[in-house]
Amino acid sequence: MILVSCDAWERLVGSRPLFILAEKLMSSNSIEEQIQMIAARIAEEKNLELVHTEVAGTKRNSTVRIFIDKEGGVTIEDCSDFSRKIEAVLDADDLIPTAYLLEVSSPGLERGLYSLKDFVKYTGSLAKVKTNQPINGQKNFRGRIVSIKGEEIIFSDKTNGEVSFPYNAVAKANLEIDLEEELRGSEKRKTESGK
């Protein structure tokens, strides 16, 4: 048996080796990236949409948050089942070496928009968007997502009217509840159930 250090291997081959130990892939991926890959696989197995993953807190006191969704919304059972499945994988792989808190939930009514795909999916919806640089002197926008053209988001802002900005300028975005639409829907349901 010949043992070669990682540094020597890198000098010989030109890249660091990947080791597979007990079916655990050891690579340069961050813990958050690895959690996202595991969560995506489990979500696909369970016919769920993986909305977002994040690891917050410190190394000694981490919180792993996973947001899942499905057509018609997720149930408590969906979240509980997903939580048990991913916790088993994370613990078996010892991915997080210290105690951690795992939170699995729906993204909520005012869900975050984490990708350009989310903006496309929610075109026509009310949203709040914060950009990382001013667009026409403004960084905070509230209004409706009008359309997406390539990487450009067309947005109808309540203050300045229609504006456009590239997706990579978005620092944070989330949907807003359309109270008027919710009230109309509630009145319609009352009318239909009263007939």
Protein backbone atom coordinates (compact mmCIF):
# COMPACT_ATOMS: atom_id res chain seq x y z
CA MET A 1 0.00 0.00 0.00
CA ILE A 2 1.28 3.44 -0.93
CA LEU A 3 0.06 6.47 1.03
CA VAL A 4 0.20 9.87 -0.64
CA SER A 5 -0.60 13.11 1.17
CA CYS A 6 -3.24 15.41 -0.31
CA ASP A 7 -0.61 18.07 -1.01
CA ALA A 8 1.64 15.60 -2.82
CA TRP A 9 -1.32 14.26 -4.80
CA GLU A 10 -2.25 17.80 -5.83
CA ARG A 11 1.31 18.47 -7.04
CA LEU A 12 1.33 15.19 -9.00
CA VAL A 13 -2.19 15.28 -10.49
CA GLY A 14 -3.05 18.98 -10.40
CA SER A 15 -6.17 18.77 -8.24
CA ARG A 16 -7.07 17.67 -4.73
CA PRO A 17 -8.47 14.13 -4.48
CA LEU A 18 -12.02 13.31 -3.47
CA PHE A 19 -12.26 10.62 -0.81
CA ILE A 20 -15.27 8.39 -0.42
CA LEU A 21 -15.47 7.03 3.10
CA ALA A 22 -18.56 5.10 4.16
CA GLU A 23 -20.45 6.58 1.23
CA LYS A 24 -19.67 10.12 2.41
CA LEU A 25 -18.34 12.48 -0.24
CA MET A 26 -15.60 14.62 1.20
CA SER A 27 -14.94 17.64 -0.99
CA SER A 28 -14.41 21.34 -0.79
CA ASN A 29 -18.19 21.99 -0.72
CA SER A 30 -19.32 24.05 2.25
CA ILE A 31 -21.66 22.51 4.80
CA GLU A 32 -24.48 24.70 3.49
CA GLU A 33 -23.92 23.49 -0.08
CA GLN A 34 -23.87 19.88 1.08
CA ILE A 35 -27.08 20.37 3.07
CA GLN A 36 -28.68 21.95 0.01
CA MET A 37 -27.69 18.96 -2.17
CA ILE A 38 -29.07 16.48 0.38
CA ALA A 39 -32.28 18.51 0.84
CA ALA A 40 -32.76 18.77 -2.95
CA ARG A 41 -32.45 14.99 -3.29
CA ILE A 42 -34.95 14.34 -0.49
CA ALA A 43 -37.37 16.97 -1.85
CA GLU A 44 -37.27 15.30 -5.27
CA GLU A 45 -37.91 11.87 -3.71
CA LYS A 46 -40.94 13.27 -1.89
CA ASN A 47 -42.27 15.36 -4.83
CA LEU A 48 -41.66 18.62 -2.98
CA GLU A 49 -40.11 21.90 -4.08
CA LEU A 50 -36.96 22.87 -2.20
CA VAL A 51 -37.40 26.62 -1.82
CA HIS A 52 -34.33 27.55 0.22
CA THR A 53 -31.76 26.28 2.72
CA GLU A 54 -29.63 28.27 5.11
CA VAL A 55 -27.32 27.68 8.05
CA ALA A 56 -27.36 30.41 10.69
CA GLY A 57 -25.72 30.91 14.05
CA THR A 58 -22.26 29.86 15.12
CA LYS A 59 -20.31 26.63 14.70
CA ARG A 60 -21.24 25.67 18.29
CA ASN A 61 -24.88 26.74 18.02
CA SER A 62 -26.09 26.24 14.43
CA THR A 63 -29.60 26.45 13.09
CA VAL A 64 -30.35 24.71 9.81
CA ARG A 65 -33.44 26.18 8.11
CA ILE A 66 -35.07 24.43 5.18
CA PHE A 67 -38.11 25.77 3.36
CA ILE A 68 -40.18 23.35 1.27
CA ASP A 69 -43.37 23.75 -0.74
CA LYS A 70 -45.73 21.91 -3.05
CA GLU A 71 -48.83 22.67 -5.10
CA GLY A 72 -51.58 23.49 -2.62
CA GLY A 73 -49.07 24.06 0.20
CA VAL A 74 -47.18 21.76 2.51
CA THR A 75 -48.71 20.14 5.55
CA ILE A 76 -47.31 19.59 9.03
CA GLU A 77 -46.89 15.93 8.06
CA ASP A 78 -44.82 16.93 4.99
CA CYS A 79 -42.51 19.04 7.17
CA SER A 80 -42.27 16.38 9.88
CA ASP A 81 -41.52 13.59 7.39
CA PHE A 82 -38.92 15.72 5.59
CA SER A 83 -37.35 16.69 8.92
CA ARG A 84 -36.97 13.06 10.04
CA LYS A 85 -35.48 12.04 6.68
CA ILE A 86 -32.90 14.84 6.45
CA GLU A 87 -31.98 14.61 10.14
CA ALA A 88 -31.20 10.90 9.69
CA VAL A 89 -28.89 11.67 6.75
CA LEU A 90 -27.18 14.64 8.45
CA ASP A 91 -26.59 12.63 11.62
CA ALA A 92 -25.43 9.48 9.78
CA ASP A 93 -22.93 11.54 7.76
CA ASP A 94 -21.96 13.58 10.87
CA LEU A 95 -22.10 16.60 8.59
CA ILE A 96 -22.58 19.00 11.50
CA PRO A 97 -20.20 17.85 14.23
CA THR A 98 -21.91 19.80 17.06
CA ALA A 99 -25.50 20.04 18.26
CA TYR A 100 -27.78 21.92 15.87
CA LEU A 101 -31.39 22.99 15.60
CA LEU A 102 -33.24 21.83 12.47
CA GLU A 103 -36.21 23.87 11.23
CA VAL A 104 -38.28 22.60 8.29
CA SER A 105 -41.24 24.73 7.25
CA SER A 106 -43.24 26.20 4.41
CA PRO A 107 -41.93 29.46 2.98
CA GLY A 108 -45.10 31.23 4.17
CA LEU A 109 -47.41 33.66 2.41
CA GLU A 110 -44.70 36.29 2.12
CA ARG A 111 -42.13 33.78 0.88
CA GLY A 112 -38.68 34.88 -0.13
CA LEU A 113 -37.77 35.08 -3.80
CA TYR A 114 -34.39 33.37 -3.96
CA SER A 115 -33.86 32.92 -7.70
CA LEU A 116 -34.76 34.35 -11.07
CA LYS A 117 -36.99 31.28 -11.46
CA ASP A 118 -38.98 32.49 -8.42
CA PHE A 119 -39.51 35.89 -10.07
CA VAL A 120 -40.76 34.14 -13.23
CA LYS A 121 -43.07 31.87 -11.20
CA TYR A 122 -44.58 34.83 -9.33
CA THR A 123 -44.89 37.27 -12.22
CA GLY A 124 -47.99 39.38 -11.55
CA SER A 125 -47.65 39.10 -7.76
CA LEU A 126 -47.03 41.86 -5.25
CA ALA A 127 -43.49 41.93 -3.90
CA LYS A 128 -40.90 43.91 -1.96
CA VAL A 129 -37.43 44.11 -3.47
CA LYS A 130 -34.26 45.58 -2.02
CA THR A 131 -31.36 46.13 -4.42
CA ASN A 132 -27.69 46.23 -3.50
CA GLN A 133 -27.21 49.45 -5.48
CA PRO A 134 -29.56 52.36 -6.21
CA ILE A 135 -31.76 52.09 -9.32
CA ASN A 136 -32.84 55.60 -10.33
CA GLY A 137 -31.83 56.77 -6.83
CA GLN A 138 -33.91 54.10 -5.06
CA LYS A 139 -32.95 50.81 -3.37
CA ASN A 140 -36.30 49.67 -1.90
CA PHE A 141 -39.22 48.83 -4.17
CA ARG A 142 -42.79 47.78 -3.40
CA GLY A 143 -45.21 46.86 -6.11
CA ARG A 144 -45.88 44.15 -8.65
CA ILE A 145 -43.57 41.93 -10.69
CA VAL A 146 -44.60 42.81 -14.26
CA SER A 147 -42.38 40.50 -16.32
CA ILE A 148 -38.95 38.99 -16.75
CA LYS A 149 -36.88 39.55 -19.90
CA GLY A 150 -33.73 37.48 -19.83
CA GLU A 151 -31.98 38.48 -16.58
CA GLU A 152 -33.93 41.76 -16.34
CA ILE A 153 -36.86 42.17 -13.92
CA ILE A 154 -39.59 44.61 -14.93
CA PHE A 155 -41.26 45.90 -11.78
CA SER A 156 -44.21 48.26 -11.23
CA ASP A 157 -43.14 50.26 -8.18
CA LYS A 158 -45.84 52.07 -6.16
CA THR A 159 -43.63 55.16 -5.85
CA ASN A 160 -41.86 55.54 -9.22
CA GLY A 161 -43.92 53.46 -11.64
CA GLU A 162 -42.30 50.92 -13.93
CA VAL A 163 -38.61 50.25 -13.35
CA SER A 164 -36.28 47.52 -14.48
CA PHE A 165 -33.16 46.10 -12.90
CA PRO A 166 -30.95 43.06 -13.42
CA TYR A 167 -31.54 40.04 -11.19
CA ASN A 168 -27.96 40.25 -9.90
CA ALA A 169 -28.81 43.67 -8.38
CA VAL A 170 -31.37 42.04 -6.03
CA ALA A 171 -30.12 41.86 -2.42
CA LYS A 172 -33.38 40.56 -0.94
CA ALA A 173 -36.92 40.01 -2.21
CA ASN A 174 -40.16 38.52 -0.96
CA LEU A 175 -43.81 38.35 -1.88
CA GLU A 176 -46.35 40.58 -0.17
CA ILE A 177 -49.89 39.61 0.68
CA ASP A 178 -52.41 41.27 -1.63
CA LEU A 179 -55.04 42.17 0.99
CA GLU A 180 -57.57 43.37 -1.60
CA GLU A 181 -57.30 40.08 -3.49
CA GLU A 182 -57.55 38.08 -0.25
CA LEU A 183 -60.69 40.03 0.79
CA ARG A 184 -62.28 39.51 -2.65
CA GLY A 185 -61.52 35.79 -2.45
CA SER A 186 -62.98 35.60 1.06
CA GLU A 187 -66.17 37.41 -0.03
CA LYS A 188 -66.47 35.13 -3.07
CA ARG A 189 -66.15 32.00 -0.88
CA LYS A 190 -68.79 33.35 1.51
CA THR A 191 -71.15 34.08 -1.40
CA GLU A 192 -70.62 30.63 -2.95
CA SER A 193 -71.13 28.81 0.37
CA GLY A 194 -74.30 30.82 1.07
CA LYS A 195 -76.00 29.70 -2.16
